Amino acid sequence: MTYLACVDEATSREIEMGSDLRQPEVSIAMRELRKLDWISERDEKNPGKGRPYRIYKLKKGLYDIIDYLETNKKTETDQVMTKISRLKELKSS
């Protein structure tokens, strides 16, 4: 995601090299970003033979993504803290 935020668009191979990830890790990351609807993708025909390659681009701004992640983690933390408080109450009863 950070690599895509720094470029206009990139192929899987470019993401691999630019982020120092292996191909399976890039595929997993792209699947997660696709689920969140944070990337757009298009296929481009490979010059010559072979399969077309997929080009990825961030659909959301980096600040929007950071805001989502912060909010999501805060909600998770609040839920965990509520459970811990309940445990403390049970212990003191």
PDB file of N, CA and C in Angstrom:
ATOM      1  N   MET A   1       0.830  -1.179   0.000  1.00  0.00           N
ATOM      2  CA  MET A   1       0.000   0.000   0.000  1.00  0.00           C
ATOM      3  C   MET A   1       0.880   1.249   0.000  1.00  0.00           C
ATOM      4  N   THR A   2       1.928   1.235   0.789  1.00  0.00           N
ATOM      5  CA  THR A   2       2.826   2.384   0.844  1.00  0.00           C
ATOM      6  C   THR A   2       3.491   2.605  -0.503  1.00  0.00           C
ATOM      7  N   TYR A   3       3.882   1.503  -1.143  1.00  0.00           N
ATOM      8  CA  TYR A   3       4.502   1.637  -2.461  1.00  0.00           C
ATOM      9  C   TYR A   3       3.514   2.244  -3.453  1.00  0.00           C
ATOM     10  N   LEU A   4       2.282   1.764  -3.445  1.00  0.00           N
ATOM     11  CA  LEU A   4       1.270   2.292  -4.367  1.00  0.00           C
ATOM     12  C   LEU A   4       0.962   3.758  -4.090  1.00  0.00           C
ATOM     13  N   ALA A   5       1.097   4.181  -2.843  1.00  0.00           N
ATOM     14  CA  ALA A   5       0.852   5.584  -2.502  1.00  0.00           C
ATOM     15  C   ALA A   5       1.932   6.493  -3.088  1.00  0.00           C
ATOM     16  N   CYS A   6       3.092   5.918  -3.368  1.00  0.00           N
ATOM     17  CA  CYS A   6       4.218   6.718  -3.881  1.00  0.00           C
ATOM     18  C   CYS A   6       4.311   6.733  -5.407  1.00  0.00           C
ATOM     19  N   VAL A   7       3.533   5.887  -6.066  1.00  0.00           N
ATOM     20  CA  VAL A   7       3.553   5.836  -7.533  1.00  0.00           C
ATOM     21  C   VAL A   7       2.133   6.009  -8.043  1.00  0.00           C
ATOM     22  N   ASP A   8       2.017   6.346  -9.321  1.00  0.00           N
ATOM     23  CA  ASP A   8       0.680   6.503  -9.901  1.00  0.00           C
ATOM     24  C   ASP A   8      -0.011   5.155 -10.035  1.00  0.00           C
ATOM     25  N   GLU A   9       0.694   4.183 -10.603  1.00  0.00           N
ATOM     26  CA  GLU A   9       0.182   2.828 -10.744  1.00  0.00           C
ATOM     27  C   GLU A   9       1.361   1.887 -10.889  1.00  0.00           C
ATOM     28  N   ALA A  10       1.126   0.584 -10.658  1.00  0.00           N
ATOM     29  CA  ALA A  10       2.229  -0.372 -10.699  1.00  0.00           C
ATOM     30  C   ALA A  10       1.718  -1.775 -10.990  1.00  0.00           C
ATOM     31  N   THR A  11       2.588  -2.568 -11.584  1.00  0.00           N
ATOM     32  CA  THR A  11       2.304  -3.984 -11.806  1.00  0.00           C
ATOM     33  C   THR A  11       2.683  -4.754 -10.541  1.00  0.00           C
ATOM     34  N   SER A  12       2.261  -6.000 -10.475  1.00  0.00           N
ATOM     35  CA  SER A  12       2.623  -6.846  -9.332  1.00  0.00           C
ATOM     36  C   SER A  12       4.137  -6.942  -9.196  1.00  0.00           C
ATOM     37  N   ARG A  13       4.788  -7.102 -10.309  1.00  0.00           N
ATOM     38  CA  ARG A  13       6.260  -7.228 -10.294  1.00  0.00           C
ATOM     39  C   ARG A  13       6.908  -5.962  -9.752  1.00  0.00           C
ATOM     40  N   GLU A  14       6.428  -4.800 -10.163  1.00  0.00           N
ATOM     41  CA  GLU A  14       6.973  -3.539  -9.662  1.00  0.00           C
ATOM     42  C   GLU A  14       6.733  -3.400  -8.159  1.00  0.00           C
ATOM     43  N   ILE A  15       5.566  -3.858  -7.709  1.00  0.00           N
ATOM     44  CA  ILE A  15       5.265  -3.809  -6.280  1.00  0.00           C
ATOM     45  C   ILE A  15       6.204  -4.743  -5.516  1.00  0.00           C
ATOM     46  N   GLU A  16       6.447  -5.920  -6.068  1.00  0.00           N
ATOM     47  CA  GLU A  16       7.391  -6.860  -5.449  1.00  0.00           C
ATOM     48  C   GLU A  16       8.752  -6.207  -5.248  1.00  0.00           C
ATOM     49  N   MET A  17       9.281  -5.634  -6.315  1.00  0.00           N
ATOM     50  CA  MET A  17      10.618  -5.046  -6.251  1.00  0.00           C
ATOM     51  C   MET A  17      10.646  -3.794  -5.379  1.00  0.00           C
ATOM     52  N   GLY A  18       9.628  -2.968  -5.479  1.00  0.00           N
ATOM     53  CA  GLY A  18       9.612  -1.709  -4.747  1.00  0.00           C
ATOM     54  C   GLY A  18       9.331  -1.844  -3.272  1.00  0.00           C
ATOM     55  N   SER A  19       8.663  -2.929  -2.885  1.00  0.00           N
ATOM     56  CA  SER A  19       8.305  -3.105  -1.475  1.00  0.00           C
ATOM     57  C   SER A  19       9.096  -4.224  -0.808  1.00  0.00           C
ATOM     58  N   ASP A  20       9.937  -4.897  -1.572  1.00  0.00           N
ATOM     59  CA  ASP A  20      10.747  -6.008  -1.069  1.00  0.00           C
ATOM     60  C   ASP A  20       9.881  -7.136  -0.512  1.00  0.00           C
ATOM     61  N   LEU A  21       8.762  -7.399  -1.200  1.00  0.00           N
ATOM     62  CA  LEU A  21       7.897  -8.512  -0.855  1.00  0.00           C
ATOM     63  C   LEU A  21       8.017  -9.586  -1.929  1.00  0.00           C
ATOM     64  N   ARG A  22       7.650 -10.808  -1.559  1.00  0.00           N
ATOM     65  CA  ARG A  22       7.622 -11.891  -2.541  1.00  0.00           C
ATOM     66  C   ARG A  22       6.258 -11.904  -3.226  1.00  0.00           C
ATOM     67  N   GLN A  23       6.174 -12.583  -4.353  1.00  0.00           N
ATOM     68  CA  GLN A  23       4.936 -12.603  -5.138  1.00  0.00           C
ATOM     69  C   GLN A  23       3.721 -13.076  -4.339  1.00  0.00           C
ATOM     70  N   PRO A  24       3.831 -14.151  -3.558  1.00  0.00           N
ATOM     71  CA  PRO A  24       2.645 -14.568  -2.795  1.00  0.00           C
ATOM     72  C   PRO A  24       2.183 -13.503  -1.797  1.00  0.00           C
ATOM     73  N   GLU A  25       3.129 -12.801  -1.202  1.00  0.00           N
ATOM     74  CA  GLU A  25       2.784 -11.743  -0.247  1.00  0.00           C
ATOM     75  C   GLU A  25       2.084 -10.583  -0.945  1.00  0.00           C
ATOM     76  N   VAL A  26       2.534 -10.250  -2.143  1.00  0.00           N
ATOM     77  CA  VAL A  26       1.886  -9.189  -2.915  1.00  0.00           C
ATOM     78  C   VAL A  26       0.465  -9.605  -3.279  1.00  0.00           C
ATOM     79  N   SER A  27       0.289 -10.856  -3.680  1.00  0.00           N
ATOM     80  CA  SER A  27      -1.048 -11.344  -4.036  1.00  0.00           C
ATOM     81  C   SER A  27      -1.999 -11.273  -2.843  1.00  0.00           C
ATOM     82  N   ILE A  28      -1.518 -11.670  -1.684  1.00  0.00           N
ATOM     83  CA  ILE A  28      -2.343 -11.614  -0.469  1.00  0.00           C
ATOM     84  C   ILE A  28      -2.697 -10.169  -0.140  1.00  0.00           C
ATOM     85  N   ALA A  29      -1.716  -9.292  -0.223  1.00  0.00           N
ATOM     86  CA  ALA A  29      -1.953  -7.877   0.077  1.00  0.00           C
ATOM     87  C   ALA A  29      -2.958  -7.272  -0.900  1.00  0.00           C
ATOM     88  N   MET A  30      -2.824  -7.575  -2.180  1.00  0.00           N
ATOM     89  CA  MET A  30      -3.742  -7.033  -3.179  1.00  0.00           C
ATOM     90  C   MET A  30      -5.159  -7.564  -2.958  1.00  0.00           C
ATOM     91  N   ARG A  31      -5.274  -8.821  -2.532  1.00  0.00           N
ATOM     92  CA  ARG A  31      -6.585  -9.393  -2.243  1.00  0.00           C
ATOM     93  C   ARG A  31      -7.254  -8.637  -1.082  1.00  0.00           C
ATOM     94  N   GLU A  32      -6.474  -8.347  -0.043  1.00  0.00           N
ATOM     95  CA  GLU A  32      -7.017  -7.610   1.107  1.00  0.00           C
ATOM     96  C   GLU A  32      -7.407  -6.182   0.716  1.00  0.00           C
ATOM     97  N   LEU A  33      -6.571  -5.525  -0.066  1.00  0.00           N
ATOM     98  CA  LEU A  33      -6.876  -4.161  -0.509  1.00  0.00           C
ATOM     99  C   LEU A  33      -8.100  -4.146  -1.420  1.00  0.00           C
ATOM    100  N   ARG A  34      -8.261  -5.190  -2.223  1.00  0.00           N
ATOM    101  CA  ARG A  34      -9.430  -5.314  -3.103  1.00  0.00           C
ATOM    102  C   ARG A  34     -10.698  -5.459  -2.274  1.00  0.00           C
ATOM    103  N   LYS A  35     -10.634  -6.279  -1.205  1.00  0.00           N
ATOM    104  CA  LYS A  35     -11.793  -6.467  -0.322  1.00  0.00           C
ATOM    105  C   LYS A  35     -12.232  -5.148   0.298  1.00  0.00           C
ATOM    106  N   LEU A  36     -11.263  -4.312   0.646  1.00  0.00           N
ATOM    107  CA  LEU A  36     -11.562  -3.017   1.263  1.00  0.00           C
ATOM    108  C   LEU A  36     -11.928  -1.955   0.220  1.00  0.00           C
ATOM    109  N   ASP A  37     -11.845  -2.330  -1.054  1.00  0.00           N
ATOM    110  CA  ASP A  37     -12.143  -1.430  -2.173  1.00  0.00           C
ATOM    111  C   ASP A  37     -11.221  -0.207  -2.182  1.00  0.00           C
ATOM    112  N   TRP A  38      -9.946  -0.445  -1.890  1.00  0.00           N
ATOM    113  CA  TRP A  38      -8.953   0.623  -1.856  1.00  0.00           C
ATOM    114  C   TRP A  38      -8.109   0.695  -3.125  1.00  0.00           C
ATOM    115  N   ILE A  39      -8.225  -0.313  -3.993  1.00  0.00           N
ATOM    116  CA  ILE A  39      -7.436  -0.298  -5.222  1.00  0.00           C
ATOM    117  C   ILE A  39      -8.341  -0.497  -6.431  1.00  0.00           C
ATOM    118  N   SER A  40      -7.869   0.006  -7.551  1.00  0.00           N
ATOM    119  CA  SER A  40      -8.490  -0.332  -8.825  1.00  0.00           C
ATOM    120  C   SER A  40      -7.449  -1.136  -9.594  1.00  0.00           C
ATOM    121  N   GLU A  41      -7.916  -1.963 -10.467  1.00  0.00           N
ATOM    122  CA  GLU A  41      -6.998  -2.797 -11.239  1.00  0.00           C
ATOM    123  C   GLU A  41      -7.493  -2.928 -12.668  1.00  0.00           C
ATOM    124  N   ARG A  42      -6.530  -3.059 -13.545  1.00  0.00           N
ATOM    125  CA  ARG A  42      -6.859  -3.258 -14.947  1.00  0.00           C
ATOM    126  C   ARG A  42      -5.814  -4.184 -15.547  1.00  0.00           C
ATOM    127  N   ASP A  43      -6.225  -4.901 -16.568  1.00  0.00           N
ATOM    128  CA  ASP A  43      -5.300  -5.794 -17.268  1.00  0.00           C
ATOM    129  C   ASP A  43      -4.777  -5.096 -18.500  1.00  0.00           C
ATOM    130  N   GLU A  44      -3.502  -5.288 -18.754  1.00  0.00           N
ATOM    131  CA  GLU A  44      -2.880  -4.728 -19.953  1.00  0.00           C
ATOM    132  C   GLU A  44      -2.198  -5.856 -20.691  1.00  0.00           C
ATOM    133  N   LYS A  45      -2.391  -5.862 -21.995  1.00  0.00           N
ATOM    134  CA  LYS A  45      -1.818  -6.926 -22.821  1.00  0.00           C
ATOM    135  C   LYS A  45      -0.303  -6.830 -22.811  1.00  0.00           C
ATOM    136  N   ASN A  46       0.309  -7.982 -22.636  1.00  0.00           N
ATOM    137  CA  ASN A  46       1.755  -8.063 -22.631  1.00  0.00           C
ATOM    138  C   ASN A  46       2.249  -7.951 -24.075  1.00  0.00           C
ATOM    139  N   PRO A  47       3.201  -7.049 -24.330  1.00  0.00           N
ATOM    140  CA  PRO A  47       3.713  -6.983 -25.709  1.00  0.00           C
ATOM    141  C   PRO A  47       4.382  -8.312 -26.078  1.00  0.00           C
ATOM    142  N   GLY A  48       3.920  -8.916 -27.118  1.00  0.00           N
ATOM    143  CA  GLY A  48       4.431 -10.228 -27.496  1.00  0.00           C
ATOM    144  C   GLY A  48       3.523 -11.311 -26.952  1.00  0.00           C
ATOM    145  N   LYS A  49       4.121 -12.410 -26.542  1.00  0.00           N
ATOM    146  CA  LYS A  49       3.344 -13.542 -26.042  1.00  0.00           C
ATOM    147  C   LYS A  49       3.180 -13.459 -24.528  1.00  0.00           C
ATOM    148  N   GLY A  50       2.325 -14.313 -24.043  1.00  0.00           N
ATOM    149  CA  GLY A  50       2.159 -14.420 -22.598  1.00  0.00           C
ATOM    150  C   GLY A  50       0.857 -13.829 -22.114  1.00  0.00           C
ATOM    151  N   ARG A  51       0.645 -14.011 -20.832  1.00  0.00           N
ATOM    152  CA  ARG A  51      -0.575 -13.530 -20.203  1.00  0.00           C
ATOM    153  C   ARG A  51      -0.538 -12.013 -20.060  1.00  0.00           C
ATOM    154  N   PRO A  52      -1.704 -11.405 -20.057  1.00  0.00           N
ATOM    155  CA  PRO A  52      -1.733  -9.972 -19.764  1.00  0.00           C
ATOM    156  C   PRO A  52      -1.338  -9.764 -18.304  1.00  0.00           C
ATOM    157  N   TYR A  53      -0.825  -8.598 -17.998  1.00  0.00           N
ATOM    158  CA  TYR A  53      -0.463  -8.338 -16.620  1.00  0.00           C
ATOM    159  C   TYR A  53      -1.404  -7.315 -16.023  1.00  0.00           C
ATOM    160  N   ARG A  54      -1.549  -7.406 -14.723  1.00  0.00           N
ATOM    161  CA  ARG A  54      -2.488  -6.562 -13.995  1.00  0.00           C
ATOM    162  C   ARG A  54      -1.763  -5.326 -13.461  1.00  0.00           C
ATOM    163  N   ILE A  55      -2.420  -4.190 -13.599  1.00  0.00           N
ATOM    164  CA  ILE A  55      -1.866  -2.928 -13.105  1.00  0.00           C
ATOM    165  C   ILE A  55      -2.778  -2.421 -11.997  1.00  0.00           C
ATOM    166  N   TYR A  56      -2.164  -2.057 -10.873  1.00  0.00           N
ATOM    167  CA  TYR A  56      -2.901  -1.623  -9.685  1.00  0.00           C
ATOM    168  C   TYR A  56      -2.703  -0.133  -9.441  1.00  0.00           C
ATOM    169  N   LYS A  57      -3.737   0.458  -8.848  1.00  0.00           N
ATOM    170  CA  LYS A  57      -3.691   1.877  -8.505  1.00  0.00           C
ATOM    171  C   LYS A  57      -4.540   2.078  -7.252  1.00  0.00           C
ATOM    172  N   LEU A  58      -4.079   2.920  -6.334  1.00  0.00           N
ATOM    173  CA  LEU A  58      -4.887   3.212  -5.148  1.00  0.00           C
ATOM    174  C   LEU A  58      -6.098   4.040  -5.536  1.00  0.00           C
ATOM    175  N   LYS A  59      -7.271   3.643  -5.034  1.00  0.00           N
ATOM    176  CA  LYS A  59      -8.507   4.402  -5.282  1.00  0.00           C
ATOM    177  C   LYS A  59      -8.743   5.431  -4.186  1.00  0.00           C
ATOM    178  N   LYS A  60      -8.286   5.114  -2.987  1.00  0.00           N
ATOM    179  CA  LYS A  60      -8.473   5.992  -1.836  1.00  0.00           C
ATOM    180  C   LYS A  60      -7.172   6.718  -1.547  1.00  0.00           C
ATOM    181  N   GLY A  61      -7.310   7.906  -0.988  1.00  0.00           N
ATOM    182  CA  GLY A  61      -6.123   8.642  -0.587  1.00  0.00           C
ATOM    183  C   GLY A  61      -5.492   8.019   0.648  1.00  0.00           C
ATOM    184  N   LEU A  62      -4.207   8.220   0.800  1.00  0.00           N
ATOM    185  CA  LEU A  62      -3.485   7.633   1.918  1.00  0.00           C
ATOM    186  C   LEU A  62      -4.030   8.134   3.252  1.00  0.00           C
ATOM    187  N   TYR A  63      -4.392   9.400   3.333  1.00  0.00           N
ATOM    188  CA  TYR A  63      -4.933   9.939   4.593  1.00  0.00           C
ATOM    189  C   TYR A  63      -6.284   9.324   4.933  1.00  0.00           C
ATOM    190  N   ASP A  64      -7.102   9.033   3.937  1.00  0.00           N
ATOM    191  CA  ASP A  64      -8.378   8.362   4.174  1.00  0.00           C
ATOM    192  C   ASP A  64      -8.152   6.946   4.708  1.00  0.00           C
ATOM    193  N   ILE A  65      -7.165   6.276   4.152  1.00  0.00           N
ATOM    194  CA  ILE A  65      -6.845   4.917   4.586  1.00  0.00           C
ATOM    195  C   ILE A  65      -6.316   4.934   6.018  1.00  0.00           C
ATOM    196  N   ILE A  66      -5.429   5.868   6.317  1.00  0.00           N
ATOM    197  CA  ILE A  66      -4.883   5.983   7.669  1.00  0.00           C
ATOM    198  C   ILE A  66      -5.996   6.282   8.670  1.00  0.00           C
ATOM    199  N   ASP A  67      -6.905   7.171   8.291  1.00  0.00           N
ATOM    200  CA  ASP A  67      -8.023   7.505   9.169  1.00  0.00           C
ATOM    201  C   ASP A  67      -8.876   6.269   9.449  1.00  0.00           C
ATOM    202  N   TYR A  68      -9.153   5.487   8.416  1.00  0.00           N
ATOM    203  CA  TYR A  68      -9.928   4.253   8.583  1.00  0.00           C
ATOM    204  C   TYR A  68      -9.210   3.299   9.535  1.00  0.00           C
ATOM    205  N   LEU A  69      -7.908   3.110   9.314  1.00  0.00           N
ATOM    206  CA  LEU A  69      -7.145   2.180  10.144  1.00  0.00           C
ATOM    207  C   LEU A  69      -7.108   2.639  11.600  1.00  0.00           C
ATOM    208  N   GLU A  70      -6.919   3.935  11.811  1.00  0.00           N
ATOM    209  CA  GLU A  70      -6.902   4.463  13.184  1.00  0.00           C
ATOM    210  C   GLU A  70      -8.244   4.234  13.877  1.00  0.00           C
ATOM    211  N   THR A  71      -9.315   4.546  13.191  1.00  0.00           N
ATOM    212  CA  THR A  71     -10.653   4.376  13.756  1.00  0.00           C
ATOM    213  C   THR A  71     -10.928   2.914  14.059  1.00  0.00           C
ATOM    214  N   ASN A  72     -10.573   2.045  13.132  1.00  0.00           N
ATOM    215  CA  ASN A  72     -10.794   0.617  13.295  1.00  0.00           C
ATOM    216  C   ASN A  72     -10.018   0.071  14.494  1.00  0.00           C
ATOM    217  N   LYS A  73      -8.758   0.440  14.625  1.00  0.00           N
ATOM    218  CA  LYS A  73      -7.935  -0.038  15.734  1.00  0.00           C
ATOM    219  C   LYS A  73      -8.415   0.523  17.068  1.00  0.00           C
ATOM    220  N   LYS A  74      -8.873   1.766  17.065  1.00  0.00           N
ATOM    221  CA  LYS A  74      -9.393   2.359  18.300  1.00  0.00           C
ATOM    222  C   LYS A  74     -10.637   1.603  18.755  1.00  0.00           C
ATOM    223  N   THR A  75     -11.509   1.263  17.825  1.00  0.00           N
ATOM    224  CA  THR A  75     -12.707   0.495  18.156  1.00  0.00           C
ATOM    225  C   THR A  75     -12.329  -0.860  18.746  1.00  0.00           C
ATOM    226  N   GLU A  76     -11.375  -1.543  18.115  1.00  0.00           N
ATOM    227  CA  GLU A  76     -10.907  -2.838  18.619  1.00  0.00           C
ATOM    228  C   GLU A  76     -10.339  -2.698  20.029  1.00  0.00           C
ATOM    229  N   THR A  77      -9.532  -1.665  20.248  1.00  0.00           N
ATOM    230  CA  THR A  77      -8.921  -1.435  21.549  1.00  0.00           C
ATOM    231  C   THR A  77      -9.985  -1.161  22.607  1.00  0.00           C
ATOM    232  N   ASP A  78     -10.971  -0.346  22.267  1.00  0.00           N
ATOM    233  CA  ASP A  78     -12.053  -0.045  23.204  1.00  0.00           C
ATOM    234  C   ASP A  78     -12.809  -1.325  23.595  1.00  0.00           C
ATOM    235  N   GLN A  79     -13.046  -2.198  22.631  1.00  0.00           N
ATOM    236  CA  GLN A  79     -13.751  -3.449  22.910  1.00  0.00           C
ATOM    237  C   GLN A  79     -12.931  -4.340  23.854  1.00  0.00           C
ATOM    238  N   VAL A  80     -11.639  -4.418  23.612  1.00  0.00           N
ATOM    239  CA  VAL A  80     -10.769  -5.230  24.467  1.00  0.00           C
ATOM    240  C   VAL A  80     -10.728  -4.645  25.873  1.00  0.00           C
ATOM    241  N   MET A  81     -10.612  -3.333  25.982  1.00  0.00           N
ATOM    242  CA  MET A  81     -10.565  -2.695  27.299  1.00  0.00           C
ATOM    243  C   MET A  81     -11.875  -2.902  28.063  1.00  0.00           C
ATOM    244  N   THR A  82     -12.995  -2.906  27.371  1.00  0.00           N
ATOM    245  CA  THR A  82     -14.279  -3.174  28.011  1.00  0.00           C
ATOM    246  C   THR A  82     -14.297  -4.595  28.573  1.00  0.00           C
ATOM    247  N   LYS A  83     -13.792  -5.546  27.825  1.00  0.00           N
ATOM    248  CA  LYS A  83     -13.739  -6.933  28.290  1.00  0.00           C
ATOM    249  C   LYS A  83     -12.815  -7.072  29.497  1.00  0.00           C
ATOM    250  N   ILE A  84     -11.692  -6.374  29.475  1.00  0.00           N
ATOM    251  CA  ILE A  84     -10.758  -6.413  30.608  1.00  0.00           C
ATOM    252  C   ILE A  84     -11.421  -5.823  31.850  1.00  0.00           C
ATOM    253  N   SER A  85     -12.138  -4.737  31.678  1.00  0.00           N
ATOM    254  CA  SER A  85     -12.854  -4.126  32.809  1.00  0.00           C
ATOM    255  C   SER A  85     -13.869  -5.096  33.401  1.00  0.00           C
ATOM    256  N   ARG A  86     -14.576  -5.808  32.553  1.00  0.00           N
ATOM    257  CA  ARG A  86     -15.549  -6.797  33.030  1.00  0.00           C
ATOM    258  C   ARG A  86     -14.864  -7.905  33.825  1.00  0.00           C
ATOM    259  N   LEU A  87     -13.708  -8.337  33.333  1.00  0.00           N
ATOM    260  CA  LEU A  87     -12.953  -9.369  34.050  1.00  0.00           C
ATOM    261  C   LEU A  87     -12.538  -8.870  35.434  1.00  0.00           C
ATOM    262  N   LYS A  88     -12.088  -7.648  35.496  1.00  0.00           N
ATOM    263  CA  LYS A  88     -11.691  -7.058  36.783  1.00  0.00           C
ATOM    264  C   LYS A  88     -12.876  -6.997  37.743  1.00  0.00           C
ATOM    265  N   GLU A  89     -14.047  -6.628  37.205  1.00  0.00           N
ATOM    266  CA  GLU A  89     -15.245  -6.557  38.033  1.00  0.00           C
ATOM    267  C   GLU A  89     -15.612  -7.945  38.562  1.00  0.00           C
ATOM    268  N   LEU A  90     -15.500  -8.958  37.718  1.00  0.00           N
ATOM    269  CA  LEU A  90     -15.801 -10.324  38.155  1.00  0.00           C
ATOM    270  C   LEU A  90     -14.826 -10.790  39.237  1.00  0.00           C
ATOM    271  N   LYS A  91     -13.582 -10.407  39.077  1.00  0.00           N
ATOM    272  CA  LYS A  91     -12.557 -10.816  40.043  1.00  0.00           C
ATOM    273  C   LYS A  91     -12.823 -10.186  41.409  1.00  0.00           C
ATOM    274  N   SER A  92     -13.245  -8.940  41.421  1.00  0.00           N
ATOM    275  CA  SER A  92     -13.445  -8.229  42.692  1.00  0.00           C
ATOM    276  C   SER A  92     -14.771  -8.583  43.363  1.00  0.00           C
ATOM    277  N   SER A  93     -15.664  -9.295  42.673  1.00  0.00           N
ATOM    278  CA  SER A  93     -16.959  -9.655  43.274  1.00  0.00           C
ATOM    279  C   SER A  93     -16.850 -10.830  44.206  1.00  0.00           C
TER     280      SER A  93
END
